[in-house]
Amino acid sequence: MTDWKVITCIKLTSLDHVQERSTLSFGSPSTGVGQITSRGKRGLAYNAASNTYLFAQSGQSSQVTWAYNWGPQAAGVINPNVEFVPLLYNNDANLCASWPAYAQSAIAAGTTALMSFNEPDLCQDGSACMNVSTAVATYKKYMQPLAGKASLGAPAITNIGSTTGAPVGADYLKYFLGNCTGCQVDFVNMHWYSNVYAGVGYLQSQVEAVRAVAGGRPIWVTEFGLDSTEPYTTQQLQDFLEEAMIYLDSQTDVARYAYFLDAPGYLLNGAGTGLSATGRMYDNYSLSANTALEIVSAHFADMDVTLLAQVVLLINGVLSVDTSNLDFIFGTDPWFGMAKTLNILYKQGSQYYALNLVENSGSFTITPTTAATANRVTTMSNIDTTSSAVQILGASWGNQTITAKGLYAHLTQAANDNAEIMFGDGLFGTGAEWGSMKSGVVWYYSNKSIKSLAGRDGGLYRFM
């Protein structure tokens, strides 16, 4: 029997400075590799094998298909419904000596991929701290012999900027791939952390930076999450995670990803006895199950910007608006020198919603999960699509959504009589946002389609 050699690895998130310890036993191989039962990209970064059993349970629509623990073996028996992916953590002599046996055992048990070196571009607790030449030499000696037996992954790089001048992040990956001549590298690997305000846009930029040097290889994101440099609420975390999953699922070259961490207080509840609300979302969220959003109509002041809004504001199923640069987004200023409103009508399934914003009032993100509950959103009236009669769907005056039934009746009568209406506080029964110019929109259903009537304060208008 081979003597057990035990290494304690400290996983330190790149910016979070939150330590999670796992004891990885190197010496006698064990399998713990299960069969994938779903087709999702999501994985589990875990320290305790028992934590994997709370995900990907039989009969559920889980998107979790694989798992890893920063080590070469499962360190216990993991959920048989997920694939264990071994990692050659660094160039530790004992680890490297036992790596071939672990890798061969995992391959024999059904694993399809092997990963190399955890954050070699970073030198702190929990990172491999290997310069490019060391990483190349170690890869050639211990990873390359396994080419053709499983897919082999490049070292997992970080998104931390360099303080020493040494290559980090995508630059490290570029130098590794360029210097690892004769190496079989089947996919590349990245980690990402940042604060809640950087959001998915920053994650996307890191994916794009890695894509630029990946040479067409699939991308694995084996750690990502929010750090603690800025406080955030559970709702902000879930909004971020939903947007991130929608983005990552939509990228055809992102093959797998793993949120940090399958542990109590993260994807598990504090006691570790079940999934947290965030964990439940991670386990089974899919855009198809949470009907995608659709922009039906958008007006910047009284200018129809629907077509442009559909392209620039709705990305990967998420509606995002930064009100500080609306003139730039829409390429024009319909009311020069005045604060203007943006009125958007969007739908999810058969339900319509209005989002009404004033310039320079902040940034707003609406995901499929928060379609009905996000800030500044109002649920609109239902319409009867079998009727040929004019139906008022909703109205906005400035940044206010007007739901008064008396106004709807008045507008319906005006539409039927082809009568002029004057936009103003008197019509809508309220003042617009103080300090902004007054414009409004009436959305209505006529001749089997949704239409809009937009105008400014004091203007006379007719329904078409």
Protein backbone atom coordinates (compact mmCIF):
# COMPACT_ATOMS: atom_id res chain seq x y z
CA MET A 1 0.00 0.00 0.00
CA THR A 2 1.35 3.41 -0.93
CA ASP A 3 2.05 5.72 1.97
CA TRP A 4 -0.34 8.64 2.11
CA LYS A 5 1.17 12.06 1.64
CA VAL A 6 -1.08 14.90 2.72
CA ILE A 7 -0.97 18.47 1.46
CA THR A 8 -3.19 21.21 2.84
CA CYS A 9 -4.10 23.69 0.10
CA ILE A 10 -5.38 27.14 1.02
CA LYS A 11 -7.76 28.50 -1.61
CA LEU A 12 -7.52 32.28 -1.37
CA THR A 13 -9.76 34.24 -3.68
CA SER A 14 -7.86 36.74 -5.75
CA LEU A 15 -9.38 39.85 -4.18
CA ASP A 16 -11.69 38.58 -1.48
CA HIS A 17 -9.08 37.43 1.04
CA VAL A 18 -11.51 34.81 2.31
CA GLN A 19 -9.74 31.52 2.99
CA GLU A 20 -11.27 28.09 2.53
CA ARG A 21 -9.07 25.13 3.42
CA SER A 22 -9.26 21.64 1.94
CA THR A 23 -7.06 18.68 2.74
CA LEU A 24 -6.02 16.88 -0.43
CA SER A 25 -4.51 13.41 -0.01
CA PHE A 26 -1.86 12.49 -2.57
CA GLY A 27 -0.68 8.92 -2.93
CA SER A 28 -3.29 6.21 -3.42
CA PRO A 29 -5.69 6.98 -6.27
CA SER A 30 -9.45 6.85 -5.86
CA THR A 31 -12.10 7.47 -8.46
CA GLY A 32 -15.22 9.25 -7.27
CA VAL A 33 -16.06 10.00 -10.93
CA GLY A 34 -19.74 10.01 -11.80
CA GLN A 35 -21.83 10.07 -14.95
CA ILE A 36 -23.18 13.34 -16.26
CA THR A 37 -26.97 13.33 -16.48
CA SER A 38 -27.58 16.82 -17.87
CA ARG A 39 -26.00 19.05 -20.48
CA GLY A 40 -25.32 22.24 -18.55
CA LYS A 41 -21.96 24.00 -18.36
CA ARG A 42 -22.00 24.58 -14.62
CA GLY A 43 -19.58 22.98 -12.22
CA LEU A 44 -18.89 22.84 -8.50
CA ALA A 45 -15.71 24.14 -6.92
CA TYR A 46 -15.81 22.23 -3.62
CA ASN A 47 -13.74 21.31 -0.59
CA ALA A 48 -16.01 18.64 0.89
CA ALA A 49 -17.16 15.88 -1.47
CA SER A 50 -20.43 15.52 0.45
CA ASN A 51 -21.45 19.03 -0.62
CA THR A 52 -21.78 17.89 -4.24
CA TYR A 53 -24.79 15.71 -3.39
CA LEU A 54 -27.03 18.72 -2.87
CA PHE A 55 -26.81 19.51 -6.60
CA ALA A 56 -27.68 17.56 -9.76
CA GLN A 57 -30.13 15.31 -7.97
CA SER A 58 -31.98 12.66 -9.96
CA GLY A 59 -35.19 13.83 -11.56
CA GLN A 60 -34.31 17.53 -11.34
CA SER A 61 -33.52 19.91 -14.17
CA SER A 62 -30.05 20.67 -12.86
CA GLN A 63 -27.50 22.50 -14.99
CA VAL A 64 -24.58 21.18 -12.89
CA THR A 65 -22.55 18.50 -14.64
CA TRP A 66 -19.02 18.48 -13.25
CA ALA A 67 -16.93 19.26 -10.18
CA TYR A 68 -13.37 19.82 -8.99
CA ASN A 69 -11.58 20.53 -5.72
CA TRP A 70 -8.20 21.96 -6.79
CA GLY A 71 -6.72 18.49 -6.40
CA PRO A 72 -5.93 15.32 -8.40
CA GLN A 73 -8.58 13.14 -6.77
CA ALA A 74 -12.10 13.57 -5.48
CA ALA A 75 -10.99 13.27 -1.80
CA GLY A 76 -14.12 11.28 -1.01
CA VAL A 77 -17.03 9.93 -3.00
CA ILE A 78 -18.71 12.71 -4.97
CA ASN A 79 -22.18 12.85 -6.46
CA PRO A 80 -22.30 10.17 -9.21
CA ASN A 81 -24.30 12.55 -11.39
CA VAL A 82 -21.33 14.87 -11.90
CA GLU A 83 -17.94 14.32 -13.53
CA PHE A 84 -14.86 14.87 -11.39
CA VAL A 85 -12.09 16.81 -13.16
CA PRO A 86 -8.60 16.41 -11.65
CA LEU A 87 -6.21 19.36 -11.36
CA LEU A 88 -2.42 19.27 -11.27
CA TYR A 89 -2.28 22.13 -8.78
CA ASN A 90 1.39 23.12 -9.08
CA ASN A 91 4.85 21.62 -9.50
CA ASP A 92 5.10 20.17 -5.99
CA ALA A 93 7.39 17.12 -6.25
CA ASN A 94 5.10 14.76 -4.32
CA LEU A 95 2.05 15.86 -6.27
CA CYS A 96 3.81 15.48 -9.60
CA ALA A 97 5.08 12.02 -8.68
CA SER A 98 1.58 10.74 -7.93
CA TRP A 99 -0.18 12.70 -10.70
CA PRO A 100 0.10 10.08 -13.48
CA ALA A 101 -1.62 7.44 -11.36
CA TYR A 102 -4.40 9.79 -10.32
CA ALA A 103 -4.95 11.00 -13.86
CA GLN A 104 -5.02 7.49 -15.34
CA SER A 105 -7.43 6.34 -12.63
CA ALA A 106 -9.80 9.25 -13.33
CA ILE A 107 -9.63 8.65 -17.07
CA ALA A 108 -10.40 4.96 -16.57
CA ALA A 109 -13.42 5.95 -14.47
CA GLY A 110 -14.77 8.22 -17.22
CA THR A 111 -13.35 11.70 -16.75
CA THR A 112 -12.97 13.57 -20.02
CA ALA A 113 -10.66 16.41 -19.01
CA LEU A 114 -7.59 17.26 -16.92
CA MET A 115 -6.61 20.73 -15.69
CA SER A 116 -3.19 22.20 -15.04
CA PHE A 117 -1.85 24.69 -12.45
CA ASN A 118 -4.01 26.92 -10.29
CA GLU A 119 -3.23 30.62 -10.80
CA PRO A 120 0.47 30.27 -11.64
CA ASP A 121 0.53 33.98 -12.53
CA LEU A 122 -0.18 34.91 -8.88
CA CYS A 123 2.14 34.44 -5.92
CA GLN A 124 0.06 34.32 -2.74
CA ASP A 125 -1.48 31.64 -0.55
CA GLY A 126 -3.70 29.42 -2.65
CA SER A 127 -1.94 30.09 -5.94
CA ALA A 128 0.65 28.02 -7.81
CA CYS A 129 3.21 30.85 -8.27
CA MET A 130 5.03 29.46 -11.33
CA ASN A 131 6.77 31.53 -13.96
CA VAL A 132 6.00 30.73 -17.58
CA SER A 133 9.12 28.65 -18.19
CA THR A 134 8.44 26.49 -15.11
CA ALA A 135 4.81 26.04 -16.12
CA VAL A 136 5.82 25.02 -19.66
CA ALA A 137 8.43 22.52 -18.44
CA THR A 138 6.05 20.98 -15.89
CA TYR A 139 3.24 20.78 -18.44
CA LYS A 140 5.46 19.03 -20.97
CA LYS A 141 6.61 16.49 -18.41
CA TYR A 142 3.35 15.68 -16.65
CA MET A 143 0.41 16.82 -18.80
CA GLN A 144 1.60 16.19 -22.35
CA PRO A 145 1.97 12.39 -21.89
CA LEU A 146 -1.80 12.28 -21.31
CA ALA A 147 -2.64 13.95 -24.65
CA GLY A 148 -5.28 12.02 -26.54
CA LYS A 149 -6.51 10.28 -23.40
CA ALA A 150 -8.41 13.31 -22.11
CA SER A 151 -8.79 16.98 -22.98
CA LEU A 152 -5.93 18.94 -21.47
CA GLY A 153 -6.37 22.43 -20.01
CA ALA A 154 -3.96 25.35 -19.95
CA PRO A 155 -3.07 26.90 -16.56
CA ALA A 156 -5.89 28.85 -14.88
CA ILE A 157 -4.97 32.53 -15.07
CA THR A 158 -6.31 35.40 -12.95
CA ASN A 159 -7.65 38.88 -13.69
CA ILE A 160 -5.26 40.56 -11.25
CA GLY A 161 -3.00 43.28 -12.60
CA SER A 162 0.75 42.83 -12.38
CA THR A 163 2.73 44.65 -9.67
CA THR A 164 6.12 43.22 -10.64
CA GLY A 165 6.15 43.48 -14.41
CA ALA A 166 5.81 39.72 -14.79
CA PRO A 167 3.05 38.60 -17.20
CA VAL A 168 -0.33 37.96 -15.61
CA GLY A 169 -3.81 37.13 -16.83
CA ALA A 170 -4.29 36.85 -20.56
CA ASP A 171 -0.66 37.90 -21.12
CA TYR A 172 0.55 34.94 -19.06
CA LEU A 173 -1.69 32.64 -21.09
CA LYS A 174 -0.38 34.11 -24.34
CA TYR A 175 3.25 33.50 -23.32
CA PHE A 176 2.44 30.00 -22.08
CA LEU A 177 0.75 28.98 -25.31
CA GLY A 178 3.51 30.58 -27.38
CA ASN A 179 6.31 28.85 -25.49
CA CYS A 180 4.73 25.45 -24.94
CA THR A 181 5.87 24.18 -28.33
CA GLY A 182 4.70 20.70 -29.18
CA CYS A 183 2.11 20.81 -26.40
CA GLN A 184 -1.44 19.56 -26.80
CA VAL A 185 -3.62 22.21 -25.13
CA ASP A 186 -7.30 21.52 -25.73
CA PHE A 187 -8.91 24.30 -23.67
CA VAL A 188 -7.90 27.41 -21.73
CA ASN A 189 -8.82 28.29 -18.19
CA MET A 190 -9.48 31.58 -16.37
CA HIS A 191 -10.56 32.96 -13.00
CA TRP A 192 -12.37 36.24 -12.36
CA TYR A 193 -13.26 38.27 -9.26
CA SER A 194 -14.34 41.87 -8.86
CA ASN A 195 -16.69 44.10 -6.90
CA VAL A 196 -20.42 44.32 -7.36
CA TYR A 197 -20.20 47.56 -9.33
CA ALA A 198 -17.86 46.18 -12.01
CA GLY A 199 -20.42 43.50 -12.74
CA VAL A 200 -20.81 41.24 -15.70
CA GLY A 201 -19.40 43.81 -18.11
CA TYR A 202 -15.98 43.34 -16.54
CA LEU A 203 -16.37 39.55 -16.58
CA GLN A 204 -17.20 39.79 -20.27
CA SER A 205 -14.09 41.87 -20.94
CA GLN A 206 -11.94 39.22 -19.26
CA VAL A 207 -13.52 36.47 -21.35
CA GLU A 208 -12.87 38.53 -24.45
CA ALA A 209 -9.22 39.09 -23.46
CA VAL A 210 -8.75 35.35 -22.99
CA ARG A 211 -10.59 34.63 -26.23
CA ALA A 212 -8.19 36.90 -28.09
CA VAL A 213 -5.22 34.69 -27.20
CA ALA A 214 -6.96 31.30 -26.94
CA GLY A 215 -6.50 30.42 -30.59
CA GLY A 216 -10.09 29.22 -30.94
CA ARG A 217 -9.86 26.86 -27.96
CA PRO A 218 -12.85 26.42 -25.62
CA ILE A 219 -12.77 28.58 -22.48
CA TRP A 220 -13.34 27.29 -18.96
CA VAL A 221 -14.11 29.78 -16.16
CA THR A 222 -13.28 27.65 -13.14
CA GLU A 223 -13.61 30.36 -10.50
CA PHE A 224 -15.71 33.51 -10.54
CA GLY A 225 -17.60 35.62 -8.05
CA LEU A 226 -17.94 38.95 -6.29
CA ASP A 227 -15.21 40.02 -3.91
CA SER A 228 -15.78 41.91 -0.67
CA THR A 229 -14.15 45.22 -1.57
CA GLU A 230 -17.66 46.68 -1.81
CA PRO A 231 -20.62 45.43 0.25
CA TYR A 232 -23.55 43.86 -1.58
CA THR A 233 -26.92 42.38 -0.72
CA THR A 234 -28.13 38.87 -1.45
CA GLN A 235 -30.40 40.33 -4.12
CA GLN A 236 -27.48 42.11 -5.78
CA LEU A 237 -25.51 38.86 -5.73
CA GLN A 238 -28.37 36.94 -7.31
CA ASP A 239 -28.88 39.63 -9.94
CA PHE A 240 -25.17 39.42 -10.78
CA LEU A 241 -25.19 35.63 -10.89
CA GLU A 242 -28.27 35.47 -13.09
CA GLU A 243 -26.80 37.96 -15.54
CA ALA A 244 -23.44 36.14 -15.48
CA MET A 245 -25.03 32.74 -16.14
CA ILE A 246 -27.10 34.11 -19.01
CA TYR A 247 -23.94 35.58 -20.53
CA LEU A 248 -21.75 32.51 -20.01
CA ASP A 249 -24.45 30.14 -21.25
CA SER A 250 -24.83 32.23 -24.40
CA GLN A 251 -21.13 32.10 -25.33
CA THR A 252 -20.55 29.12 -27.60
CA ASP A 253 -16.83 28.95 -26.79
CA VAL A 254 -17.37 29.02 -23.00
CA ALA A 255 -17.53 25.29 -22.40
CA ARG A 256 -17.69 25.14 -18.59
CA TYR A 257 -17.79 27.44 -15.59
CA ALA A 258 -17.82 27.16 -11.80
CA TYR A 259 -19.02 29.77 -9.31
CA PHE A 260 -16.98 30.10 -6.12
CA LEU A 261 -17.89 28.19 -3.86
CA ASP A 262 -19.79 24.96 -3.12
CA ALA A 263 -19.66 25.53 0.63
CA PRO A 264 -21.78 26.81 3.54
CA GLY A 265 -22.43 30.52 3.26
CA TYR A 266 -21.94 30.46 -0.49
CA LEU A 267 -24.00 28.07 -2.62
CA LEU A 268 -25.07 26.22 0.54
CA ASN A 269 -27.00 27.55 3.52
CA GLY A 270 -25.07 28.52 6.63
CA ALA A 271 -25.47 25.08 8.19
CA GLY A 272 -24.46 23.28 5.01
CA THR A 273 -27.64 21.19 5.12
CA GLY A 274 -29.18 22.44 1.89
CA LEU A 275 -28.82 24.87 -0.97
CA SER A 276 -28.94 28.58 -0.32
CA ALA A 277 -31.25 30.70 -2.48
CA THR A 278 -28.21 31.50 -4.60
CA GLY A 279 -27.37 27.79 -4.78
CA ARG A 280 -30.86 26.89 -5.97
CA MET A 281 -30.56 29.48 -8.72
CA TYR A 282 -27.13 28.16 -9.72
CA ASP A 283 -28.33 24.56 -9.75
CA ASN A 284 -31.27 24.85 -12.11
CA TYR A 285 -31.59 28.34 -13.61
CA SER A 286 -32.05 28.44 -17.37
CA LEU A 287 -33.16 31.27 -19.60
CA SER A 288 -35.69 29.01 -21.33
CA ALA A 289 -37.35 28.34 -17.98
CA ASN A 290 -37.30 32.08 -17.19
CA THR A 291 -38.79 33.55 -20.33
CA ALA A 292 -36.51 36.00 -22.07
CA LEU A 293 -37.30 39.71 -22.10
CA GLU A 294 -38.36 41.51 -25.28
CA ILE A 295 -38.36 45.29 -25.83
CA VAL A 296 -41.60 46.18 -27.58
CA SER A 297 -41.30 49.99 -27.66
CA ALA A 298 -38.86 52.63 -26.45
CA HIS A 299 -38.95 56.43 -26.57
CA PHE A 300 -36.20 58.89 -25.65
CA ALA A 301 -38.28 61.98 -24.90
CA ASP A 302 -40.74 61.87 -27.84
CA MET A 303 -38.30 60.16 -30.23
CA ASP A 304 -38.97 56.52 -31.12
CA VAL A 305 -35.73 54.58 -30.43
CA THR A 306 -37.23 51.09 -30.34
CA LEU A 307 -35.01 49.45 -32.95
CA LEU A 308 -31.81 50.81 -31.44
CA ALA A 309 -32.89 49.97 -27.89
CA GLN A 310 -33.54 46.36 -28.92
CA VAL A 311 -29.93 46.11 -30.07
CA VAL A 312 -27.96 48.08 -27.46
CA LEU A 313 -30.02 47.77 -24.26
CA LEU A 314 -31.06 44.11 -24.39
CA ILE A 315 -27.99 41.87 -24.37
CA ASN A 316 -28.14 38.13 -23.75
CA GLY A 317 -31.63 38.41 -22.31
CA VAL A 318 -30.76 41.14 -19.79
CA LEU A 319 -32.05 44.73 -20.05
CA SER A 320 -29.35 47.17 -18.92
CA VAL A 321 -29.59 50.97 -19.02
CA ASP A 322 -26.94 53.50 -17.97
CA THR A 323 -28.85 56.78 -17.88
CA SER A 324 -25.67 58.87 -17.82
CA ASN A 325 -25.00 58.48 -21.54
CA LEU A 326 -28.36 58.22 -23.26
CA ASP A 327 -27.46 60.87 -25.84
CA PHE A 328 -24.43 58.77 -26.78
CA ILE A 329 -26.38 55.50 -26.83
CA PHE A 330 -29.05 56.81 -29.16
CA GLY A 331 -26.77 59.07 -31.17
CA THR A 332 -28.86 62.22 -30.84
CA ASP A 333 -30.32 64.72 -28.39
CA PRO A 334 -34.03 65.21 -29.16
CA TRP A 335 -34.38 68.01 -26.62
CA PHE A 336 -31.03 69.77 -26.36
CA GLY A 337 -30.02 71.07 -22.99
CA MET A 338 -32.92 69.49 -21.12
CA ALA A 339 -33.11 66.40 -18.91
CA LYS A 340 -35.08 63.83 -20.85
CA THR A 341 -36.93 60.66 -19.97
CA LEU A 342 -36.56 57.17 -21.41
CA ASN A 343 -39.79 55.16 -21.53
CA ILE A 344 -39.52 51.46 -22.35
CA LEU A 345 -42.29 48.92 -22.82
CA TYR A 346 -41.03 45.35 -22.59
CA LYS A 347 -42.67 41.97 -22.26
CA GLN A 348 -41.97 38.60 -20.75
CA GLY A 349 -44.18 35.91 -22.13
CA SER A 350 -47.59 37.53 -22.50
CA GLN A 351 -47.09 40.09 -19.71
CA TYR A 352 -46.09 43.69 -20.45
CA TYR A 353 -44.07 46.02 -18.21
CA ALA A 354 -43.08 49.69 -18.33
CA LEU A 355 -39.71 51.07 -17.28
CA ASN A 356 -39.55 54.86 -16.99
CA LEU A 357 -36.25 56.63 -16.29
CA VAL A 358 -34.83 60.15 -16.21
CA GLU A 359 -31.40 61.00 -17.54
CA ASN A 360 -28.55 60.77 -15.01
CA SER A 361 -30.63 58.85 -12.48
CA GLY A 362 -28.30 55.84 -12.28
CA SER A 363 -27.85 52.44 -13.88
CA PHE A 364 -30.63 49.87 -14.04
CA THR A 365 -30.46 46.14 -14.78
CA ILE A 366 -33.48 43.91 -15.30
CA THR A 367 -33.10 40.15 -15.60
CA PRO A 368 -35.79 37.60 -16.43
CA THR A 369 -36.13 36.87 -12.71
CA THR A 370 -36.61 40.54 -11.76
CA ALA A 371 -38.76 41.49 -14.76
CA ALA A 372 -41.76 42.31 -12.56
CA THR A 373 -39.99 43.55 -9.43
CA ALA A 374 -37.05 45.70 -10.51
CA ASN A 375 -36.84 49.34 -9.49
CA ARG A 376 -38.91 51.76 -11.64
CA VAL A 377 -40.87 48.90 -13.26
CA THR A 378 -44.69 48.79 -13.42
CA THR A 379 -46.84 45.88 -14.59
CA MET A 380 -49.13 46.88 -17.45
CA SER A 381 -52.72 45.87 -18.18
CA ASN A 382 -53.45 42.63 -19.93
CA ILE A 383 -54.85 42.84 -23.44
CA ASP A 384 -57.28 40.65 -25.34
CA THR A 385 -55.49 39.75 -28.56
CA THR A 386 -58.67 38.25 -30.01
CA SER A 387 -60.45 41.62 -29.93
CA SER A 388 -60.33 44.16 -32.75
CA ALA A 389 -61.18 47.06 -30.41
CA VAL A 390 -58.63 49.65 -29.34
CA GLN A 391 -57.20 48.77 -25.93
CA ILE A 392 -54.96 51.00 -23.81
CA LEU A 393 -52.02 48.99 -22.56
CA GLY A 394 -50.34 51.69 -20.50
CA ALA A 395 -49.22 55.29 -20.31
CA SER A 396 -46.14 57.13 -19.07
CA TRP A 397 -45.74 60.82 -18.30
CA GLY A 398 -42.14 61.75 -17.61
CA ASN A 399 -40.84 58.97 -15.39
CA GLN A 400 -44.28 58.17 -14.00
CA THR A 401 -46.37 55.20 -15.10
CA ILE A 402 -50.06 56.08 -15.21
CA THR A 403 -52.49 53.27 -14.44
CA ALA A 404 -55.69 55.25 -13.76
CA LYS A 405 -58.67 53.50 -15.34
CA GLY A 406 -60.39 56.84 -15.90
CA LEU A 407 -57.49 57.99 -18.09
CA TYR A 408 -57.55 54.71 -20.01
CA ALA A 409 -61.28 55.13 -20.68
CA HIS A 410 -60.73 58.72 -21.86
CA LEU A 411 -57.89 57.67 -24.16
CA THR A 412 -59.91 54.78 -25.56
CA GLN A 413 -62.79 57.12 -26.38
CA ALA A 414 -60.40 59.58 -28.04
CA ALA A 415 -58.97 56.78 -30.16
CA ASN A 416 -62.42 55.59 -31.22
CA ASP A 417 -63.54 59.16 -32.03
CA ASN A 418 -60.26 60.08 -33.77
CA ALA A 419 -60.17 63.06 -31.43
CA GLU A 420 -57.14 65.17 -30.60
CA ILE A 421 -55.66 64.95 -27.13
CA MET A 422 -53.31 67.44 -25.50
CA PHE A 423 -50.37 65.99 -23.59
CA GLY A 424 -49.86 67.62 -20.19
CA ASP A 425 -50.34 67.32 -16.46
CA GLY A 426 -54.08 67.80 -16.93
CA LEU A 427 -54.40 64.75 -19.19
CA PHE A 428 -52.20 62.42 -17.17
CA GLY A 429 -53.28 63.70 -13.76
CA THR A 430 -49.78 64.19 -12.41
CA GLY A 431 -46.66 66.28 -12.89
CA ALA A 432 -43.62 64.76 -14.57
CA GLU A 433 -40.26 64.43 -12.81
CA TRP A 434 -39.23 67.83 -11.49
CA GLY A 435 -36.37 69.29 -13.50
CA SER A 436 -37.00 67.18 -16.58
CA MET A 437 -38.82 68.21 -19.72
CA LYS A 438 -42.30 66.78 -19.95
CA SER A 439 -42.90 64.12 -22.53
CA GLY A 440 -45.08 61.04 -22.48
CA VAL A 441 -46.09 57.87 -24.25
CA VAL A 442 -49.38 56.03 -24.57
CA TRP A 443 -49.11 52.39 -25.58
CA TYR A 444 -52.17 50.80 -27.11
CA TYR A 445 -53.32 47.71 -28.98
CA SER A 446 -54.97 48.24 -32.36
CA ASN A 447 -55.28 46.18 -35.53
CA LYS A 448 -53.51 43.19 -33.96
CA SER A 449 -50.35 45.08 -32.95
CA ILE A 450 -48.89 47.20 -30.16
CA LYS A 451 -48.55 50.87 -31.12
CA SER A 452 -47.34 54.00 -29.36
CA LEU A 453 -48.36 57.65 -29.30
CA ALA A 454 -45.59 59.90 -28.00
CA GLY A 455 -45.55 63.64 -27.48
CA ARG A 456 -44.41 66.69 -25.51
CA ASP A 457 -46.14 68.93 -23.03
CA GLY A 458 -48.74 71.11 -24.79
CA GLY A 459 -48.73 69.16 -28.04
CA LEU A 460 -51.91 67.96 -29.77
CA TYR A 461 -51.95 64.35 -30.98
CA ARG A 462 -54.24 61.74 -32.52
CA PHE A 463 -54.16 57.95 -32.42
CA MET A 464 -53.27 56.29 -35.72
